[in-house]
Amino acid sequence: MNRTEFILVTAIILFTAFCLGWFAYWLIHRFTRVSKADMGELEKMAKELHEAEETRDEAVTYLQQREAELTNQLSQSEAELRAAMDGLREARHEAEELRAYIERAHAAG
């Protein structure tokens, strides 16, 4: 094999490698390419996801406000219950004192 043949064979091998590489790139790019319809669908999904996140955030905020309101109502109800129980306890104590007073008055009279 002389010098010219060696150069020619090397050039053919390099050209063949280049063509195979280009074909492989084209093939991969062809199968992994995102179409405009797919992009539109992705944009639509992204928009819907964003709206869903906003709705979720609004729901969480509403639930937190509602929980705060209910906690406040519960605290007020507990305070009213304690006041009513204290009043009832005092009324019972007064009733016992009056009963004892009346019994003493009947016993003395």
PDB file of N, CA and C in Angstrom:
ATOM      1  N   MET A   1       0.866  -1.155   0.000  1.00  0.00           N
ATOM      2  CA  MET A   1       0.000   0.000   0.000  1.00  0.00           C
ATOM      3  C   MET A   1       0.920   1.228   0.000  1.00  0.00           C
ATOM      4  N   ASN A   2       0.725   2.036  -1.002  1.00  0.00           N
ATOM      5  CA  ASN A   2       1.569   3.225  -1.079  1.00  0.00           C
ATOM      6  C   ASN A   2       0.901   4.379  -0.346  1.00  0.00           C
ATOM      7  N   ARG A   3       1.553   5.483  -0.379  1.00  0.00           N
ATOM      8  CA  ARG A   3       1.118   6.648   0.369  1.00  0.00           C
ATOM      9  C   ARG A   3      -0.237   7.167  -0.113  1.00  0.00           C
ATOM     10  N   THR A   4      -0.489   7.217  -1.369  1.00  0.00           N
ATOM     11  CA  THR A   4      -1.741   7.737  -1.927  1.00  0.00           C
ATOM     12  C   THR A   4      -2.913   6.843  -1.526  1.00  0.00           C
ATOM     13  N   GLU A   5      -2.713   5.533  -1.613  1.00  0.00           N
ATOM     14  CA  GLU A   5      -3.771   4.620  -1.226  1.00  0.00           C
ATOM     15  C   GLU A   5      -4.088   4.747   0.269  1.00  0.00           C
ATOM     16  N   PHE A   6      -3.049   4.888   1.085  1.00  0.00           N
ATOM     17  CA  PHE A   6      -3.233   5.044   2.529  1.00  0.00           C
ATOM     18  C   PHE A   6      -4.050   6.307   2.842  1.00  0.00           C
ATOM     19  N   ILE A   7      -3.733   7.400   2.176  1.00  0.00           N
ATOM     20  CA  ILE A   7      -4.453   8.658   2.381  1.00  0.00           C
ATOM     21  C   ILE A   7      -5.905   8.502   1.927  1.00  0.00           C
ATOM     22  N   LEU A   8      -6.104   7.857   0.797  1.00  0.00           N
ATOM     23  CA  LEU A   8      -7.450   7.660   0.276  1.00  0.00           C
ATOM     24  C   LEU A   8      -8.279   6.776   1.213  1.00  0.00           C
ATOM     25  N   VAL A   9      -7.736   5.689   1.707  1.00  0.00           N
ATOM     26  CA  VAL A   9      -8.443   4.790   2.630  1.00  0.00           C
ATOM     27  C   VAL A   9      -8.766   5.524   3.930  1.00  0.00           C
ATOM     28  N   THR A  10      -7.802   6.294   4.428  1.00  0.00           N
ATOM     29  CA  THR A  10      -8.024   7.060   5.659  1.00  0.00           C
ATOM     30  C   THR A  10      -9.133   8.092   5.449  1.00  0.00           C
ATOM     31  N   ALA A  11      -9.137   8.762   4.299  1.00  0.00           N
ATOM     32  CA  ALA A  11     -10.171   9.753   3.994  1.00  0.00           C
ATOM     33  C   ALA A  11     -11.543   9.092   3.907  1.00  0.00           C
ATOM     34  N   ILE A  12     -11.612   7.913   3.290  1.00  0.00           N
ATOM     35  CA  ILE A  12     -12.899   7.198   3.183  1.00  0.00           C
ATOM     36  C   ILE A  12     -13.384   6.777   4.569  1.00  0.00           C
ATOM     37  N   ILE A  13     -12.497   6.276   5.413  1.00  0.00           N
ATOM     38  CA  ILE A  13     -12.873   5.864   6.775  1.00  0.00           C
ATOM     39  C   ILE A  13     -13.367   7.063   7.574  1.00  0.00           C
ATOM     40  N   LEU A  14     -12.649   8.176   7.484  1.00  0.00           N
ATOM     41  CA  LEU A  14     -13.070   9.378   8.220  1.00  0.00           C
ATOM     42  C   LEU A  14     -14.402   9.904   7.700  1.00  0.00           C
ATOM     43  N   PHE A  15     -14.602   9.896   6.378  1.00  0.00           N
ATOM     44  CA  PHE A  15     -15.862  10.353   5.808  1.00  0.00           C
ATOM     45  C   PHE A  15     -17.007   9.436   6.237  1.00  0.00           C
ATOM     46  N   THR A  16     -16.749   8.117   6.250  1.00  0.00           N
ATOM     47  CA  THR A  16     -17.759   7.155   6.682  1.00  0.00           C
ATOM     48  C   THR A  16     -18.107   7.375   8.160  1.00  0.00           C
ATOM     49  N   ALA A  17     -17.100   7.616   8.989  1.00  0.00           N
ATOM     50  CA  ALA A  17     -17.346   7.877  10.413  1.00  0.00           C
ATOM     51  C   ALA A  17     -18.155   9.153  10.583  1.00  0.00           C
ATOM     52  N   PHE A  18     -17.822  10.170   9.780  1.00  0.00           N
ATOM     53  CA  PHE A  18     -18.572  11.426   9.833  1.00  0.00           C
ATOM     54  C   PHE A  18     -20.036  11.193   9.445  1.00  0.00           C
ATOM     55  N   CYS A  19     -20.264  10.457   8.369  1.00  0.00           N
ATOM     56  CA  CYS A  19     -21.629  10.188   7.912  1.00  0.00           C
ATOM     57  C   CYS A  19     -22.410   9.385   8.942  1.00  0.00           C
ATOM     58  N   LEU A  20     -21.781   8.368   9.557  1.00  0.00           N
ATOM     59  CA  LEU A  20     -22.451   7.581  10.585  1.00  0.00           C
ATOM     60  C   LEU A  20     -22.784   8.439  11.810  1.00  0.00           C
ATOM     61  N   GLY A  21     -21.884   9.311  12.203  1.00  0.00           N
ATOM     62  CA  GLY A  21     -22.122  10.203  13.333  1.00  0.00           C
ATOM     63  C   GLY A  21     -23.261  11.167  13.042  1.00  0.00           C
ATOM     64  N   TRP A  22     -23.238  11.732  11.837  1.00  0.00           N
ATOM     65  CA  TRP A  22     -24.302  12.669  11.459  1.00  0.00           C
ATOM     66  C   TRP A  22     -25.652  11.949  11.418  1.00  0.00           C
ATOM     67  N   PHE A  23     -25.673  10.728  10.859  1.00  0.00           N
ATOM     68  CA  PHE A  23     -26.907   9.955  10.792  1.00  0.00           C
ATOM     69  C   PHE A  23     -27.410   9.608  12.195  1.00  0.00           C
ATOM     70  N   ALA A  24     -26.511   9.223  13.078  1.00  0.00           N
ATOM     71  CA  ALA A  24     -26.911   8.902  14.458  1.00  0.00           C
ATOM     72  C   ALA A  24     -27.473  10.148  15.145  1.00  0.00           C
ATOM     73  N   TYR A  25     -26.839  11.299  14.949  1.00  0.00           N
ATOM     74  CA  TYR A  25     -27.340  12.557  15.525  1.00  0.00           C
ATOM     75  C   TYR A  25     -28.730  12.863  14.979  1.00  0.00           C
ATOM     76  N   TRP A  26     -28.900  12.731  13.677  1.00  0.00           N
ATOM     77  CA  TRP A  26     -30.191  13.019  13.054  1.00  0.00           C
ATOM     78  C   TRP A  26     -31.272  12.079  13.588  1.00  0.00           C
ATOM     79  N   LEU A  27     -30.914  10.788  13.716  1.00  0.00           N
ATOM     80  CA  LEU A  27     -31.858   9.789  14.201  1.00  0.00           C
ATOM     81  C   LEU A  27     -32.273  10.084  15.647  1.00  0.00           C
ATOM     82  N   ILE A  28     -31.322  10.370  16.501  1.00  0.00           N
ATOM     83  CA  ILE A  28     -31.626  10.669  17.903  1.00  0.00           C
ATOM     84  C   ILE A  28     -32.442  11.949  17.992  1.00  0.00           C
ATOM     85  N   HIS A  29     -32.038  12.951  17.239  1.00  0.00           N
ATOM     86  CA  HIS A  29     -32.760  14.223  17.264  1.00  0.00           C
ATOM     87  C   HIS A  29     -34.186  14.060  16.746  1.00  0.00           C
ATOM     88  N   ARG A  30     -34.359  13.199  15.791  1.00  0.00           N
ATOM     89  CA  ARG A  30     -35.683  12.968  15.208  1.00  0.00           C
ATOM     90  C   ARG A  30     -36.632  12.347  16.230  1.00  0.00           C
ATOM     91  N   PHE A  31     -36.135  11.407  17.036  1.00  0.00           N
ATOM     92  CA  PHE A  31     -36.987  10.717  18.004  1.00  0.00           C
ATOM     93  C   PHE A  31     -37.176  11.500  19.300  1.00  0.00           C
ATOM     94  N   THR A  32     -36.257  12.382  19.620  1.00  0.00           N
ATOM     95  CA  THR A  32     -36.370  13.125  20.880  1.00  0.00           C
ATOM     96  C   THR A  32     -36.880  14.538  20.683  1.00  0.00           C
ATOM     97  N   ARG A  33     -37.189  14.912  19.484  1.00  0.00           N
ATOM     98  CA  ARG A  33     -37.659  16.263  19.216  1.00  0.00           C
ATOM     99  C   ARG A  33     -39.051  16.462  19.808  1.00  0.00           C
ATOM    100  N   VAL A  34     -39.277  17.639  20.374  1.00  0.00           N
ATOM    101  CA  VAL A  34     -40.577  17.977  20.953  1.00  0.00           C
ATOM    102  C   VAL A  34     -41.358  18.762  19.910  1.00  0.00           C
ATOM    103  N   SER A  35     -42.536  18.275  19.597  1.00  0.00           N
ATOM    104  CA  SER A  35     -43.336  18.934  18.572  1.00  0.00           C
ATOM    105  C   SER A  35     -44.038  20.160  19.150  1.00  0.00           C
ATOM    106  N   LYS A  36     -44.581  20.983  18.280  1.00  0.00           N
ATOM    107  CA  LYS A  36     -45.285  22.184  18.733  1.00  0.00           C
ATOM    108  C   LYS A  36     -46.549  21.803  19.499  1.00  0.00           C
ATOM    109  N   ALA A  37     -47.200  20.726  19.100  1.00  0.00           N
ATOM    110  CA  ALA A  37     -48.387  20.268  19.822  1.00  0.00           C
ATOM    111  C   ALA A  37     -48.014  19.862  21.246  1.00  0.00           C
ATOM    112  N   ASP A  38     -46.864  19.160  21.356  1.00  0.00           N
ATOM    113  CA  ASP A  38     -46.402  18.771  22.687  1.00  0.00           C
ATOM    114  C   ASP A  38     -46.054  19.991  23.524  1.00  0.00           C
ATOM    115  N   MET A  39     -45.435  20.989  22.916  1.00  0.00           N
ATOM    116  CA  MET A  39     -45.092  22.218  23.640  1.00  0.00           C
ATOM    117  C   MET A  39     -46.361  22.929  24.107  1.00  0.00           C
ATOM    118  N   GLY A  40     -47.360  22.971  23.237  1.00  0.00           N
ATOM    119  CA  GLY A  40     -48.631  23.580  23.626  1.00  0.00           C
ATOM    120  C   GLY A  40     -49.262  22.849  24.792  1.00  0.00           C
ATOM    121  N   GLU A  41     -49.207  21.530  24.727  1.00  0.00           N
ATOM    122  CA  GLU A  41     -49.766  20.728  25.810  1.00  0.00           C
ATOM    123  C   GLU A  41     -48.980  20.943  27.107  1.00  0.00           C
ATOM    124  N   LEU A  42     -47.653  21.031  27.004  1.00  0.00           N
ATOM    125  CA  LEU A  42     -46.832  21.287  28.190  1.00  0.00           C
ATOM    126  C   LEU A  42     -47.146  22.651  28.786  1.00  0.00           C
ATOM    127  N   GLU A  43     -47.331  23.654  27.938  1.00  0.00           N
ATOM    128  CA  GLU A  43     -47.670  24.984  28.430  1.00  0.00           C
ATOM    129  C   GLU A  43     -49.041  24.972  29.112  1.00  0.00           C
ATOM    130  N   LYS A  44     -49.986  24.242  28.521  1.00  0.00           N
ATOM    131  CA  LYS A  44     -51.326  24.131  29.105  1.00  0.00           C
ATOM    132  C   LYS A  44     -51.247  23.445  30.470  1.00  0.00           C
ATOM    133  N   MET A  45     -50.469  22.371  30.555  1.00  0.00           N
ATOM    134  CA  MET A  45     -50.312  21.661  31.815  1.00  0.00           C
ATOM    135  C   MET A  45     -49.646  22.553  32.858  1.00  0.00           C
ATOM    136  N   ALA A  46     -48.655  23.333  32.436  1.00  0.00           N
ATOM    137  CA  ALA A  46     -47.976  24.231  33.370  1.00  0.00           C
ATOM    138  C   ALA A  46     -48.948  25.284  33.900  1.00  0.00           C
ATOM    139  N   LYS A  47     -49.788  25.810  33.010  1.00  0.00           N
ATOM    140  CA  LYS A  47     -50.785  26.802  33.423  1.00  0.00           C
ATOM    141  C   LYS A  47     -51.773  26.185  34.408  1.00  0.00           C
ATOM    142  N   GLU A  48     -52.263  24.983  34.108  1.00  0.00           N
ATOM    143  CA  GLU A  48     -53.207  24.306  35.001  1.00  0.00           C
ATOM    144  C   GLU A  48     -52.561  23.998  36.350  1.00  0.00           C
ATOM    145  N   LEU A  49     -51.295  23.612  36.319  1.00  0.00           N
ATOM    146  CA  LEU A  49     -50.582  23.340  37.572  1.00  0.00           C
ATOM    147  C   LEU A  49     -50.471  24.617  38.399  1.00  0.00           C
ATOM    148  N   HIS A  50     -50.152  25.718  37.742  1.00  0.00           N
ATOM    149  CA  HIS A  50     -50.042  26.997  38.445  1.00  0.00           C
ATOM    150  C   HIS A  50     -51.389  27.382  39.066  1.00  0.00           C
ATOM    151  N   GLU A  51     -52.472  27.219  38.314  1.00  0.00           N
ATOM    152  CA  GLU A  51     -53.803  27.525  38.837  1.00  0.00           C
ATOM    153  C   GLU A  51     -54.157  26.612  40.012  1.00  0.00           C
ATOM    154  N   ALA A  52     -53.790  25.345  39.899  1.00  0.00           N
ATOM    155  CA  ALA A  52     -54.070  24.402  40.988  1.00  0.00           C
ATOM    156  C   ALA A  52     -53.290  24.788  42.246  1.00  0.00           C
ATOM    157  N   GLU A  53     -52.054  25.230  42.081  1.00  0.00           N
ATOM    158  CA  GLU A  53     -51.252  25.654  43.227  1.00  0.00           C
ATOM    159  C   GLU A  53     -51.863  26.899  43.874  1.00  0.00           C
ATOM    160  N   GLU A  54     -52.341  27.830  43.046  1.00  0.00           N
ATOM    161  CA  GLU A  54     -52.985  29.026  43.590  1.00  0.00           C
ATOM    162  C   GLU A  54     -54.257  28.647  44.360  1.00  0.00           C
ATOM    163  N   THR A  55     -55.038  27.735  43.806  1.00  0.00           N
ATOM    164  CA  THR A  55     -56.256  27.285  44.481  1.00  0.00           C
ATOM    165  C   THR A  55     -55.911  26.607  45.803  1.00  0.00           C
ATOM    166  N   ARG A  56     -54.882  25.782  45.775  1.00  0.00           N
ATOM    167  CA  ARG A  56     -54.451  25.114  47.012  1.00  0.00           C
ATOM    168  C   ARG A  56     -54.019  26.139  48.052  1.00  0.00           C
ATOM    169  N   ASP A  57     -53.239  27.152  47.635  1.00  0.00           N
ATOM    170  CA  ASP A  57     -52.798  28.182  48.573  1.00  0.00           C
ATOM    171  C   ASP A  57     -53.985  28.944  49.160  1.00  0.00           C
ATOM    172  N   GLU A  58     -54.976  29.242  48.312  1.00  0.00           N
ATOM    173  CA  GLU A  58     -56.179  29.924  48.804  1.00  0.00           C
ATOM    174  C   GLU A  58     -56.915  29.042  49.805  1.00  0.00           C
ATOM    175  N   ALA A  59     -57.002  27.756  49.507  1.00  0.00           N
ATOM    176  CA  ALA A  59     -57.697  26.826  50.412  1.00  0.00           C
ATOM    177  C   ALA A  59     -56.959  26.730  51.748  1.00  0.00           C
ATOM    178  N   VAL A  60     -55.640  26.670  51.701  1.00  0.00           N
ATOM    179  CA  VAL A  60     -54.854  26.591  52.933  1.00  0.00           C
ATOM    180  C   VAL A  60     -55.050  27.860  53.756  1.00  0.00           C
ATOM    181  N   THR A  61     -55.040  29.009  53.092  1.00  0.00           N
ATOM    182  CA  THR A  61     -55.251  30.276  53.794  1.00  0.00           C
ATOM    183  C   THR A  61     -56.638  30.315  54.430  1.00  0.00           C
ATOM    184  N   TYR A  62     -57.646  29.891  53.675  1.00  0.00           N
ATOM    185  CA  TYR A  62     -59.011  29.859  54.208  1.00  0.00           C
ATOM    186  C   TYR A  62     -59.099  28.934  55.423  1.00  0.00           C
ATOM    187  N   LEU A  63     -58.484  27.754  55.306  1.00  0.00           N
ATOM    188  CA  LEU A  63     -58.535  26.809  56.418  1.00  0.00           C
ATOM    189  C   LEU A  63     -57.822  27.353  57.648  1.00  0.00           C
ATOM    190  N   GLN A  64     -56.720  28.054  57.445  1.00  0.00           N
ATOM    191  CA  GLN A  64     -56.004  28.635  58.582  1.00  0.00           C
ATOM    192  C   GLN A  64     -56.851  29.715  59.256  1.00  0.00           C
ATOM    193  N   GLN A  65     -57.511  30.544  58.445  1.00  0.00           N
ATOM    194  CA  GLN A  65     -58.378  31.571  59.014  1.00  0.00           C
ATOM    195  C   GLN A  65     -59.550  30.933  59.762  1.00  0.00           C
ATOM    196  N   ARG A  66     -60.146  29.922  59.160  1.00  0.00           N
ATOM    197  CA  ARG A  66     -61.281  29.238  59.786  1.00  0.00           C
ATOM    198  C   ARG A  66     -60.852  28.570  61.087  1.00  0.00           C
ATOM    199  N   GLU A  67     -59.669  27.964  61.079  1.00  0.00           N
ATOM    200  CA  GLU A  67     -59.163  27.320  62.289  1.00  0.00           C
ATOM    201  C   GLU A  67     -58.942  28.355  63.387  1.00  0.00           C
ATOM    202  N   ALA A  68     -58.407  29.527  63.015  1.00  0.00           N
ATOM    203  CA  ALA A  68     -58.203  30.582  64.002  1.00  0.00           C
ATOM    204  C   ALA A  68     -59.541  31.055  64.573  1.00  0.00           C
ATOM    205  N   GLU A  69     -60.546  31.209  63.706  1.00  0.00           N
ATOM    206  CA  GLU A  69     -61.875  31.616  64.173  1.00  0.00           C
ATOM    207  C   GLU A  69     -62.461  30.579  65.131  1.00  0.00           C
ATOM    208  N   LEU A  70     -62.367  29.312  64.753  1.00  0.00           N
ATOM    209  CA  LEU A  70     -62.926  28.254  65.593  1.00  0.00           C
ATOM    210  C   LEU A  70     -62.179  28.137  66.922  1.00  0.00           C
ATOM    211  N   THR A  71     -60.875  28.326  66.879  1.00  0.00           N
ATOM    212  CA  THR A  71     -60.092  28.294  68.115  1.00  0.00           C
ATOM    213  C   THR A  71     -60.517  29.434  69.029  1.00  0.00           C
ATOM    214  N   ASN A  72     -60.738  30.606  68.431  1.00  0.00           N
ATOM    215  CA  ASN A  72     -61.190  31.755  69.209  1.00  0.00           C
ATOM    216  C   ASN A  72     -62.558  31.489  69.819  1.00  0.00           C
ATOM    217  N   GLN A  73     -63.480  30.932  69.011  1.00  0.00           N
ATOM    218  CA  GLN A  73     -64.818  30.606  69.527  1.00  0.00           C
ATOM    219  C   GLN A  73     -64.745  29.575  70.651  1.00  0.00           C
ATOM    220  N   LEU A  74     -63.859  28.580  70.470  1.00  0.00           N
ATOM    221  CA  LEU A  74     -63.706  27.557  71.500  1.00  0.00           C
ATOM    222  C   LEU A  74     -63.174  28.172  72.790  1.00  0.00           C
ATOM    223  N   SER A  75     -62.214  29.068  72.679  1.00  0.00           N
ATOM    224  CA  SER A  75     -61.672  29.723  73.871  1.00  0.00           C
ATOM    225  C   SER A  75     -62.752  30.540  74.567  1.00  0.00           C
ATOM    226  N   GLN A  76     -63.554  31.258  73.784  1.00  0.00           N
ATOM    227  CA  GLN A  76     -64.637  32.041  74.374  1.00  0.00           C
ATOM    228  C   GLN A  76     -65.662  31.131  75.048  1.00  0.00           C
ATOM    229  N   SER A  77     -65.999  30.027  74.393  1.00  0.00           N
ATOM    230  CA  SER A  77     -66.969  29.091  74.972  1.00  0.00           C
ATOM    231  C   SER A  77     -66.430  28.486  76.262  1.00  0.00           C
ATOM    232  N   GLU A  78     -65.148  28.147  76.280  1.00  0.00           N
ATOM    233  CA  GLU A  78     -64.553  27.596  77.493  1.00  0.00           C
ATOM    234  C   GLU A  78     -64.566  28.622  78.621  1.00  0.00           C
ATOM    235  N   ALA A  79     -64.277  29.883  78.276  1.00  0.00           N
ATOM    236  CA  ALA A  79     -64.310  30.937  79.298  1.00  0.00           C
ATOM    237  C   ALA A  79     -65.725  31.115  79.836  1.00  0.00           C
ATOM    238  N   GLU A  80     -66.721  31.104  78.950  1.00  0.00           N
ATOM    239  CA  GLU A  80     -68.113  31.224  79.384  1.00  0.00           C
ATOM    240  C   GLU A  80     -68.520  30.026  80.243  1.00  0.00           C
ATOM    241  N   LEU A  81     -68.061  28.844  79.862  1.00  0.00           N
ATOM    242  CA  LEU A  81     -68.373  27.646  80.642  1.00  0.00           C
ATOM    243  C   LEU A  81     -67.762  27.738  82.037  1.00  0.00           C
ATOM    244  N   ARG A  82     -66.515  28.193  82.116  1.00  0.00           N
ATOM    245  CA  ARG A  82     -65.881  28.344  83.425  1.00  0.00           C
ATOM    246  C   ARG A  82     -66.649  29.352  84.277  1.00  0.00           C
ATOM    247  N   ALA A  83     -67.053  30.469  83.660  1.00  0.00           N
ATOM    248  CA  ALA A  83     -67.808  31.482  84.399  1.00  0.00           C
ATOM    249  C   ALA A  83     -69.141  30.903  84.874  1.00  0.00           C
ATOM    250  N   ALA A  84     -69.827  30.156  84.007  1.00  0.00           N
ATOM    251  CA  ALA A  84     -71.106  29.553  84.388  1.00  0.00           C
ATOM    252  C   ALA A  84     -70.912  28.535  85.502  1.00  0.00           C
ATOM    253  N   MET A  85     -69.858  27.733  85.423  1.00  0.00           N
ATOM    254  CA  MET A  85     -69.591  26.730  86.458  1.00  0.00           C
ATOM    255  C   MET A  85     -69.269  27.412  87.788  1.00  0.00           C
ATOM    256  N   ASP A  86     -68.492  28.506  87.737  1.00  0.00           N
ATOM    257  CA  ASP A  86     -68.194  29.246  88.961  1.00  0.00           C
ATOM    258  C   ASP A  86     -69.478  29.820  89.559  1.00  0.00           C
ATOM    259  N   GLY A  87     -70.329  30.378  88.697  1.00  0.00           N
ATOM    260  CA  GLY A  87     -71.605  30.915  89.176  1.00  0.00           C
ATOM    261  C   GLY A  87     -72.474  29.833  89.786  1.00  0.00           C
ATOM    262  N   LEU A  88     -72.519  28.666  89.143  1.00  0.00           N
ATOM    263  CA  LEU A  88     -73.299  27.547  89.662  1.00  0.00           C
ATOM    264  C   LEU A  88     -72.748  27.081  91.002  1.00  0.00           C
ATOM    265  N   ARG A  89     -71.423  27.016  91.105  1.00  0.00           N
ATOM    266  CA  ARG A  89     -70.792  26.593  92.356  1.00  0.00           C
ATOM    267  C   ARG A  89     -71.149  27.573  93.479  1.00  0.00           C
ATOM    268  N   GLU A  90     -71.092  28.870  93.171  1.00  0.00           N
ATOM    269  CA  GLU A  90     -71.443  29.872  94.175  1.00  0.00           C
ATOM    270  C   GLU A  90     -72.923  29.768  94.550  1.00  0.00           C
ATOM    271  N   ALA A  91     -73.792  29.534  93.558  1.00  0.00           N
ATOM    272  CA  ALA A  91     -75.223  29.402  93.835  1.00  0.00           C
ATOM    273  C   ALA A  91     -75.489  28.187  94.709  1.00  0.00           C
ATOM    274  N   ARG A  92     -74.810  27.085  94.454  1.00  0.00           N
ATOM    275  CA  ARG A  92     -74.982  25.882  95.284  1.00  0.00           C
ATOM    276  C   ARG A  92     -74.512  26.150  96.710  1.00  0.00           C
ATOM    277  N   HIS A  93     -73.374  26.838  96.796  1.00  0.00           N
ATOM    278  CA  HIS A  93     -72.841  27.151  98.121  1.00  0.00           C
ATOM    279  C   HIS A  93     -73.838  28.040  98.881  1.00  0.00           C
ATOM    280  N   GLU A  94     -74.381  29.036  98.184  1.00  0.00           N
ATOM    281  CA  GLU A  94     -75.383  29.918  98.805  1.00  0.00           C
ATOM    282  C   GLU A  94     -76.615  29.127  99.213  1.00  0.00           C
ATOM    283  N   ALA A  95     -77.056  28.220  98.347  1.00  0.00           N
ATOM    284  CA  ALA A  95     -78.232  27.400  98.662  1.00  0.00           C
ATOM    285  C   ALA A  95     -77.971  26.553  99.896  1.00  0.00           C
ATOM    286  N   GLU A  96     -76.781  25.981 100.020  1.00  0.00           N
ATOM    287  CA  GLU A  96     -76.426  25.183 101.201  1.00  0.00           C
ATOM    288  C   GLU A  96     -76.434  26.043 102.453  1.00  0.00           C
ATOM    289  N   GLU A  97     -75.883  27.255 102.323  1.00  0.00           N
ATOM    290  CA  GLU A  97     -75.876  28.151 103.478  1.00  0.00           C
ATOM    291  C   GLU A  97     -77.305  28.511 103.890  1.00  0.00           C
ATOM    292  N   LEU A  98     -78.165  28.802 102.897  1.00  0.00           N
ATOM    293  CA  LEU A  98     -79.566  29.129 103.209  1.00  0.00           C
ATOM    294  C   LEU A  98     -80.288  27.940 103.824  1.00  0.00           C
ATOM    295  N   ARG A  99     -80.041  26.732 103.289  1.00  0.00           N
ATOM    296  CA  ARG A  99     -80.649  25.528 103.851  1.00  0.00           C
ATOM    297  C   ARG A  99     -80.222  25.346 105.305  1.00  0.00           C
ATOM    298  N   ALA A 100     -78.935  25.530 105.539  1.00  0.00           N
ATOM    299  CA  ALA A 100     -78.427  25.382 106.908  1.00  0.00           C
ATOM    300  C   ALA A 100     -79.034  26.443 107.821  1.00  0.00           C
ATOM    301  N   TYR A 101     -79.163  27.664 107.316  1.00  0.00           N
ATOM    302  CA  TYR A 101     -79.754  28.751 108.107  1.00  0.00           C
ATOM    303  C   TYR A 101     -81.212  28.445 108.441  1.00  0.00           C
ATOM    304  N   ILE A 102     -81.946  27.959 107.425  1.00  0.00           N
ATOM    305  CA  ILE A 102     -83.362  27.633 107.659  1.00  0.00           C
ATOM    306  C   ILE A 102     -83.477  26.473 108.634  1.00  0.00           C
ATOM    307  N   GLU A 103     -82.630  25.473 108.528  1.00  0.00           N
ATOM    308  CA  GLU A 103     -82.678  24.338 109.459  1.00  0.00           C
ATOM    309  C   GLU A 103     -82.366  24.799 110.884  1.00  0.00           C
ATOM    310  N   ARG A 104     -81.407  25.717 111.021  1.00  0.00           N
ATOM    311  CA  ARG A 104     -81.074  26.251 112.353  1.00  0.00           C
ATOM    312  C   ARG A 104     -82.242  27.058 112.897  1.00  0.00           C
ATOM    313  N   ALA A 105     -82.901  27.819 111.999  1.00  0.00           N
ATOM    314  CA  ALA A 105     -84.015  28.642 112.440  1.00  0.00           C
ATOM    315  C   ALA A 105     -85.187  27.746 112.864  1.00  0.00           C
ATOM    316  N   HIS A 106     -85.440  26.664 112.172  1.00  0.00           N
ATOM    317  CA  HIS A 106     -86.518  25.732 112.545  1.00  0.00           C
ATOM    318  C   HIS A 106     -86.176  25.011 113.849  1.00  0.00           C
ATOM    319  N   ALA A 107     -84.937  24.673 114.017  1.00  0.00           N
ATOM    320  CA  ALA A 107     -84.535  23.963 115.220  1.00  0.00           C
ATOM    321  C   ALA A 107     -84.625  24.882 116.445  1.00  0.00           C
ATOM    322  N   ALA A 108     -84.320  26.154 116.257  1.00  0.00           N
ATOM    323  CA  ALA A 108     -84.363  27.084 117.357  1.00  0.00           C
ATOM    324  C   ALA A 108     -85.789  27.518 117.652  1.00  0.00           C
ATOM    325  N   GLY A 109     -86.628  27.528 116.669  1.00  0.00           N
ATOM    326  CA  GLY A 109     -87.965  28.075 116.822  1.00  0.00           C
ATOM    327  C   GLY A 109     -88.967  27.073 117.137  1.00  0.00           C
TER     328      GLY A 109
END
